[in-house]
Every structure is written in structure tokens, then in C-alpha cells.
Amino acid sequence: MVVLTGGTDWPGRAAREQRSTGVDFQLPQGDAAKIKALRRTINVLRKAVKAKHDTAARYLFRKARALVNALPAHKTKQECEQLAALRQKFRAQGKPPATSVKKPKPAARSRTKTSTARPTRRGKPAPAKDLGDRFINRASLGYGPSDKA
């Protein structure tokens, strides 16, 4: 939740509060500088994914995508593969590890001993207590006049 104060800082705050789309990054001039920036971004992204900094990782994914889109495809093949692997690892972070559907069979027990299981004994239920003559005041509960017999 954003609490706006005074009113003098509204235009700047509104611009800062919006989520970045990736196109507003300052891209370096020249392909060599863009590739260098992309490699740095991937290294920082790898650290962010490993440390589970989700917000920073999302921001860096957007930045990397903007850099990849600004470069020719044949120059970023290796970086795209690294990004795909990082993206897959990032998506799998929040989920528990996959478990196999088949349950292992229990080990076969040796049947040399035969158990003589005794039937469990159940005691007799306790007799109900005599509560005497008790009447519920139905009128006080809103059910109309009470009929005491």
C-alpha cells in the first residue's frame, strides 16, 4: 500500500512505484557493450535465484530479456540457454520437489512366528446417571408457552 503525502512528490513517486517492463533500461551502445552487460546481468541473476531474492530475480529477468531483444539472435545463443535454465530453476523454487507416484512395496516379512492375537476386550458402558426431573423453560428460549406435564 502506498501512502501519498503532501502532494509535491506525487509525480516522482508514481513513476517509481510502477513495475518496470524492461524497455526503460539504459542499454549500452554497441553490441560488445550489450553482450558484456548481458553477461553481468546473468551472473547477478544467478546469485539472486540462488539466494531466493524473487523481486530482484524478476527485475533481472526483465533486464536480460531487454538486452537479448536488442542483440542479434546468433550472438546471444549461449546466453539464451543460460537464461532458460535459470528461468526453469526459478520457477521450480517455490514448488516442493516432485515425488514419484508409485509407492514402494513393503518388504516381505518372514512368517516363522505366528502371532496369537487376542481379541480386545471391551468393558460394559457405564450406566446413565439419573438426573431427576429437569424441565427446560421453552418460553425463555423463545419457543412459546412452556407445557410442564
C-alpha atoms as a PDB file:
ATOM      1  CA  MET A   1       0.000   0.000   0.000  1.00  0.00           C
ATOM      2  CA  VAL A   2       1.361   3.401  -0.955  1.00  0.00           C
ATOM      3  CA  VAL A   3       0.614   6.347   1.298  1.00  0.00           C
ATOM      4  CA  LEU A   4       0.967   9.620  -0.558  1.00  0.00           C
ATOM      5  CA  THR A   5       1.894  12.701   1.440  1.00  0.00           C
ATOM      6  CA  GLY A   6       1.846  16.430   0.809  1.00  0.00           C
ATOM      7  CA  GLY A   7       1.357  16.179  -2.914  1.00  0.00           C
ATOM      8  CA  THR A   8       4.681  17.680  -4.005  1.00  0.00           C
ATOM      9  CA  ASP A   9       6.311  14.298  -4.622  1.00  0.00           C
ATOM     10  CA  TRP A  10       3.394  12.597  -6.406  1.00  0.00           C
ATOM     11  CA  PRO A  11       4.716  12.593  -9.998  1.00  0.00           C
ATOM     12  CA  GLY A  12       8.099  11.172  -8.976  1.00  0.00           C
ATOM     13  CA  ARG A  13       6.599   8.609  -6.628  1.00  0.00           C
ATOM     14  CA  ALA A  14       4.063   7.425  -9.171  1.00  0.00           C
ATOM     15  CA  ALA A  15       6.842   6.813 -11.681  1.00  0.00           C
ATOM     16  CA  ARG A  16       8.944   4.974  -9.087  1.00  0.00           C
ATOM     17  CA  GLU A  17       6.098   2.787  -7.810  1.00  0.00           C
ATOM     18  CA  GLN A  18       5.285   1.302 -11.226  1.00  0.00           C
ATOM     19  CA  ARG A  19       6.732  -2.073 -12.109  1.00  0.00           C
ATOM     20  CA  SER A  20       9.400  -1.914 -14.769  1.00  0.00           C
ATOM     21  CA  THR A  21       8.611  -3.548 -18.117  1.00  0.00           C
ATOM     22  CA  GLY A  22      12.223  -3.917 -19.176  1.00  0.00           C
ATOM     23  CA  VAL A  23      12.161  -1.402 -22.024  1.00  0.00           C
ATOM     24  CA  ASP A  24      13.123   1.537 -19.833  1.00  0.00           C
ATOM     25  CA  PHE A  25      16.627   0.258 -19.034  1.00  0.00           C
ATOM     26  CA  GLN A  26      19.549   2.305 -20.261  1.00  0.00           C
ATOM     27  CA  LEU A  27      21.009  -0.003 -22.881  1.00  0.00           C
ATOM     28  CA  PRO A  28      24.689   0.444 -23.682  1.00  0.00           C
ATOM     29  CA  GLN A  29      25.742   1.464 -27.187  1.00  0.00           C
ATOM     30  CA  GLY A  30      27.329  -1.210 -29.375  1.00  0.00           C
ATOM     31  CA  ASP A  31      26.907  -4.946 -29.447  1.00  0.00           C
ATOM     32  CA  ALA A  32      30.061  -5.704 -27.450  1.00  0.00           C
ATOM     33  CA  ALA A  33      28.910  -3.496 -24.566  1.00  0.00           C
ATOM     34  CA  LYS A  34      25.419  -5.055 -24.671  1.00  0.00           C
ATOM     35  CA  ILE A  35      26.863  -8.582 -24.526  1.00  0.00           C
ATOM     36  CA  LYS A  36      29.067  -7.568 -21.605  1.00  0.00           C
ATOM     37  CA  ALA A  37      26.054  -6.078 -19.800  1.00  0.00           C
ATOM     38  CA  LEU A  38      24.021  -9.223 -20.541  1.00  0.00           C
ATOM     39  CA  ARG A  39      26.714 -11.483 -19.060  1.00  0.00           C
ATOM     40  CA  ARG A  40      26.922  -9.321 -15.950  1.00  0.00           C
ATOM     41  CA  THR A  41      23.130  -9.421 -15.639  1.00  0.00           C
ATOM     42  CA  ILE A  42      23.134 -13.223 -15.928  1.00  0.00           C
ATOM     43  CA  ASN A  43      25.798 -13.520 -13.212  1.00  0.00           C
ATOM     44  CA  VAL A  44      23.836 -11.271 -10.840  1.00  0.00           C
ATOM     45  CA  LEU A  45      20.639 -13.122 -11.772  1.00  0.00           C
ATOM     46  CA  ARG A  46      22.267 -16.452 -10.910  1.00  0.00           C
ATOM     47  CA  LYS A  47      23.140 -15.101  -7.454  1.00  0.00           C
ATOM     48  CA  ALA A  48      19.629 -13.692  -6.947  1.00  0.00           C
ATOM     49  CA  VAL A  49      17.987 -17.016  -7.864  1.00  0.00           C
ATOM     50  CA  LYS A  50      20.362 -18.928  -5.580  1.00  0.00           C
ATOM     51  CA  ALA A  51      19.694 -16.536  -2.670  1.00  0.00           C
ATOM     52  CA  LYS A  52      15.912 -16.685  -3.407  1.00  0.00           C
ATOM     53  CA  HIS A  53      15.575 -12.923  -3.918  1.00  0.00           C
ATOM     54  CA  ASP A  54      12.418 -13.190  -6.011  1.00  0.00           C
ATOM     55  CA  THR A  55      11.831  -9.492  -6.657  1.00  0.00           C
ATOM     56  CA  ALA A  56      15.402  -8.879  -7.762  1.00  0.00           C
ATOM     57  CA  ALA A  57      15.326 -12.009  -9.922  1.00  0.00           C
ATOM     58  CA  ARG A  58      12.146 -10.877 -11.716  1.00  0.00           C
ATOM     59  CA  TYR A  59      13.699  -7.454 -12.349  1.00  0.00           C
ATOM     60  CA  LEU A  60      16.888  -9.048 -13.700  1.00  0.00           C
ATOM     61  CA  PHE A  61      14.923 -11.413 -15.947  1.00  0.00           C
ATOM     62  CA  ARG A  62      13.210  -8.378 -17.499  1.00  0.00           C
ATOM     63  CA  LYS A  63      16.539  -6.610 -17.919  1.00  0.00           C
ATOM     64  CA  ALA A  64      18.124  -9.667 -19.523  1.00  0.00           C
ATOM     65  CA  ARG A  65      15.182 -10.037 -21.899  1.00  0.00           C
ATOM     66  CA  ALA A  66      15.541  -6.401 -22.980  1.00  0.00           C
ATOM     67  CA  LEU A  67      19.245  -6.942 -23.649  1.00  0.00           C
ATOM     68  CA  VAL A  68      18.616 -10.169 -25.580  1.00  0.00           C
ATOM     69  CA  ASN A  69      15.962  -8.465 -27.695  1.00  0.00           C
ATOM     70  CA  ALA A  70      18.400  -5.629 -28.500  1.00  0.00           C
ATOM     71  CA  LEU A  71      21.032  -8.053 -29.816  1.00  0.00           C
ATOM     72  CA  PRO A  72      21.079 -10.311 -32.893  1.00  0.00           C
ATOM     73  CA  ALA A  73      19.968 -13.872 -32.152  1.00  0.00           C
ATOM     74  CA  HIS A  74      23.168 -15.551 -33.343  1.00  0.00           C
ATOM     75  CA  LYS A  75      25.233 -13.565 -30.825  1.00  0.00           C
ATOM     76  CA  THR A  76      23.134 -14.500 -27.783  1.00  0.00           C
ATOM     77  CA  LYS A  77      22.567 -18.231 -28.282  1.00  0.00           C
ATOM     78  CA  GLN A  78      24.641 -19.296 -25.248  1.00  0.00           C
ATOM     79  CA  GLU A  79      23.186 -16.572 -23.024  1.00  0.00           C
ATOM     80  CA  CYS A  80      19.625 -17.549 -24.022  1.00  0.00           C
ATOM     81  CA  GLU A  81      20.319 -21.146 -22.974  1.00  0.00           C
ATOM     82  CA  GLN A  82      21.656 -19.952 -19.614  1.00  0.00           C
ATOM     83  CA  LEU A  83      18.593 -17.738 -19.133  1.00  0.00           C
ATOM     84  CA  ALA A  84      16.257 -20.629 -19.962  1.00  0.00           C
ATOM     85  CA  ALA A  85      17.983 -22.842 -17.377  1.00  0.00           C
ATOM     86  CA  LEU A  86      17.807 -20.060 -14.755  1.00  0.00           C
ATOM     87  CA  ARG A  87      14.148 -19.413 -15.549  1.00  0.00           C
ATOM     88  CA  GLN A  88      13.353 -23.100 -15.089  1.00  0.00           C
ATOM     89  CA  LYS A  89      15.242 -23.188 -11.791  1.00  0.00           C
ATOM     90  CA  PHE A  90      13.467 -20.012 -10.634  1.00  0.00           C
ATOM     91  CA  ARG A  91      10.031 -21.436 -11.434  1.00  0.00           C
ATOM     92  CA  ALA A  92      10.798 -24.679  -9.599  1.00  0.00           C
ATOM     93  CA  GLN A  93      11.960 -22.879  -6.447  1.00  0.00           C
ATOM     94  CA  GLY A  94       8.552 -22.298  -4.909  1.00  0.00           C
ATOM     95  CA  LYS A  95       7.341 -25.842  -5.512  1.00  0.00           C
ATOM     96  CA  PRO A  96       8.179 -28.868  -3.383  1.00  0.00           C
ATOM     97  CA  PRO A  97      10.329 -31.494  -5.091  1.00  0.00           C
ATOM     98  CA  ALA A  98       8.384 -33.876  -7.280  1.00  0.00           C
ATOM     99  CA  THR A  99       7.614 -37.223  -5.710  1.00  0.00           C
ATOM    100  CA  SER A 100       7.076 -40.446  -7.594  1.00  0.00           C
ATOM    101  CA  VAL A 101       3.525 -41.664  -7.994  1.00  0.00           C
ATOM    102  CA  LYS A 102       4.353 -45.291  -7.194  1.00  0.00           C
ATOM    103  CA  LYS A 103       4.736 -46.130  -3.545  1.00  0.00           C
ATOM    104  CA  PRO A 104       7.423 -48.664  -2.668  1.00  0.00           C
ATOM    105  CA  LYS A 105       6.149 -52.072  -1.676  1.00  0.00           C
ATOM    106  CA  PRO A 106       6.724 -53.038   1.937  1.00  0.00           C
ATOM    107  CA  ALA A 107       9.423 -55.635   2.486  1.00  0.00           C
ATOM    108  CA  ALA A 108       8.161 -59.193   2.787  1.00  0.00           C
ATOM    109  CA  ARG A 109       8.142 -60.311   6.426  1.00  0.00           C
ATOM    110  CA  SER A 110       9.293 -63.728   7.434  1.00  0.00           C
ATOM    111  CA  ARG A 111       6.406 -65.806   8.715  1.00  0.00           C
ATOM    112  CA  THR A 112       8.309 -68.066  11.075  1.00  0.00           C
ATOM    113  CA  LYS A 113       6.464 -66.784  14.131  1.00  0.00           C
ATOM    114  CA  THR A 114       2.734 -66.985  14.219  1.00  0.00           C
ATOM    115  CA  SER A 115       1.242 -64.300  16.338  1.00  0.00           C
ATOM    116  CA  THR A 116      -1.634 -65.237  18.570  1.00  0.00           C
ATOM    117  CA  ALA A 117      -3.595 -62.044  18.645  1.00  0.00           C
ATOM    118  CA  ARG A 118      -6.130 -61.866  21.411  1.00  0.00           C
ATOM    119  CA  PRO A 119      -9.398 -60.159  20.749  1.00  0.00           C
ATOM    120  CA  THR A 120      -9.611 -56.824  22.510  1.00  0.00           C
ATOM    121  CA  ARG A 121     -11.948 -56.758  25.474  1.00  0.00           C
ATOM    122  CA  ARG A 122     -14.440 -54.042  25.779  1.00  0.00           C
ATOM    123  CA  GLY A 123     -15.886 -53.140  29.110  1.00  0.00           C
ATOM    124  CA  LYS A 124     -19.543 -52.582  29.704  1.00  0.00           C
ATOM    125  CA  PRO A 125     -20.656 -48.996  29.212  1.00  0.00           C
ATOM    126  CA  ALA A 126     -21.246 -47.031  32.382  1.00  0.00           C
ATOM    127  CA  PRO A 127     -24.893 -46.740  33.373  1.00  0.00           C
ATOM    128  CA  ALA A 128     -26.572 -43.444  32.631  1.00  0.00           C
ATOM    129  CA  LYS A 129     -26.828 -41.153  35.634  1.00  0.00           C
ATOM    130  CA  ASP A 130     -30.231 -40.342  36.956  1.00  0.00           C
ATOM    131  CA  LEU A 131     -30.626 -36.596  36.546  1.00  0.00           C
ATOM    132  CA  GLY A 132     -34.011 -36.411  38.162  1.00  0.00           C
ATOM    133  CA  ASP A 133     -36.889 -34.336  36.848  1.00  0.00           C
ATOM    134  CA  ARG A 134     -35.459 -31.492  34.806  1.00  0.00           C
ATOM    135  CA  PHE A 135     -37.516 -29.129  32.719  1.00  0.00           C
ATOM    136  CA  ILE A 136     -36.380 -26.724  30.065  1.00  0.00           C
ATOM    137  CA  ASN A 137     -38.040 -23.352  30.134  1.00  0.00           C
ATOM    138  CA  ARG A 138     -39.061 -23.218  26.493  1.00  0.00           C
ATOM    139  CA  ALA A 139     -40.667 -19.803  26.881  1.00  0.00           C
ATOM    140  CA  SER A 140     -37.325 -18.239  27.858  1.00  0.00           C
ATOM    141  CA  LEU A 141     -35.755 -19.765  24.723  1.00  0.00           C
ATOM    142  CA  GLY A 142     -38.442 -18.218  22.530  1.00  0.00           C
ATOM    143  CA  TYR A 143     -40.417 -21.364  21.673  1.00  0.00           C
ATOM    144  CA  GLY A 144     -43.746 -20.226  23.009  1.00  0.00           C
ATOM    145  CA  PRO A 145     -45.501 -21.144  26.244  1.00  0.00           C
ATOM    146  CA  SER A 146     -43.976 -23.962  28.217  1.00  0.00           C
ATOM    147  CA  ASP A 147     -46.040 -27.044  28.933  1.00  0.00           C
ATOM    148  CA  LYS A 148     -44.982 -28.706  32.134  1.00  0.00           C
ATOM    149  CA  ALA A 149     -46.635 -32.101  32.470  1.00  0.00           C
END
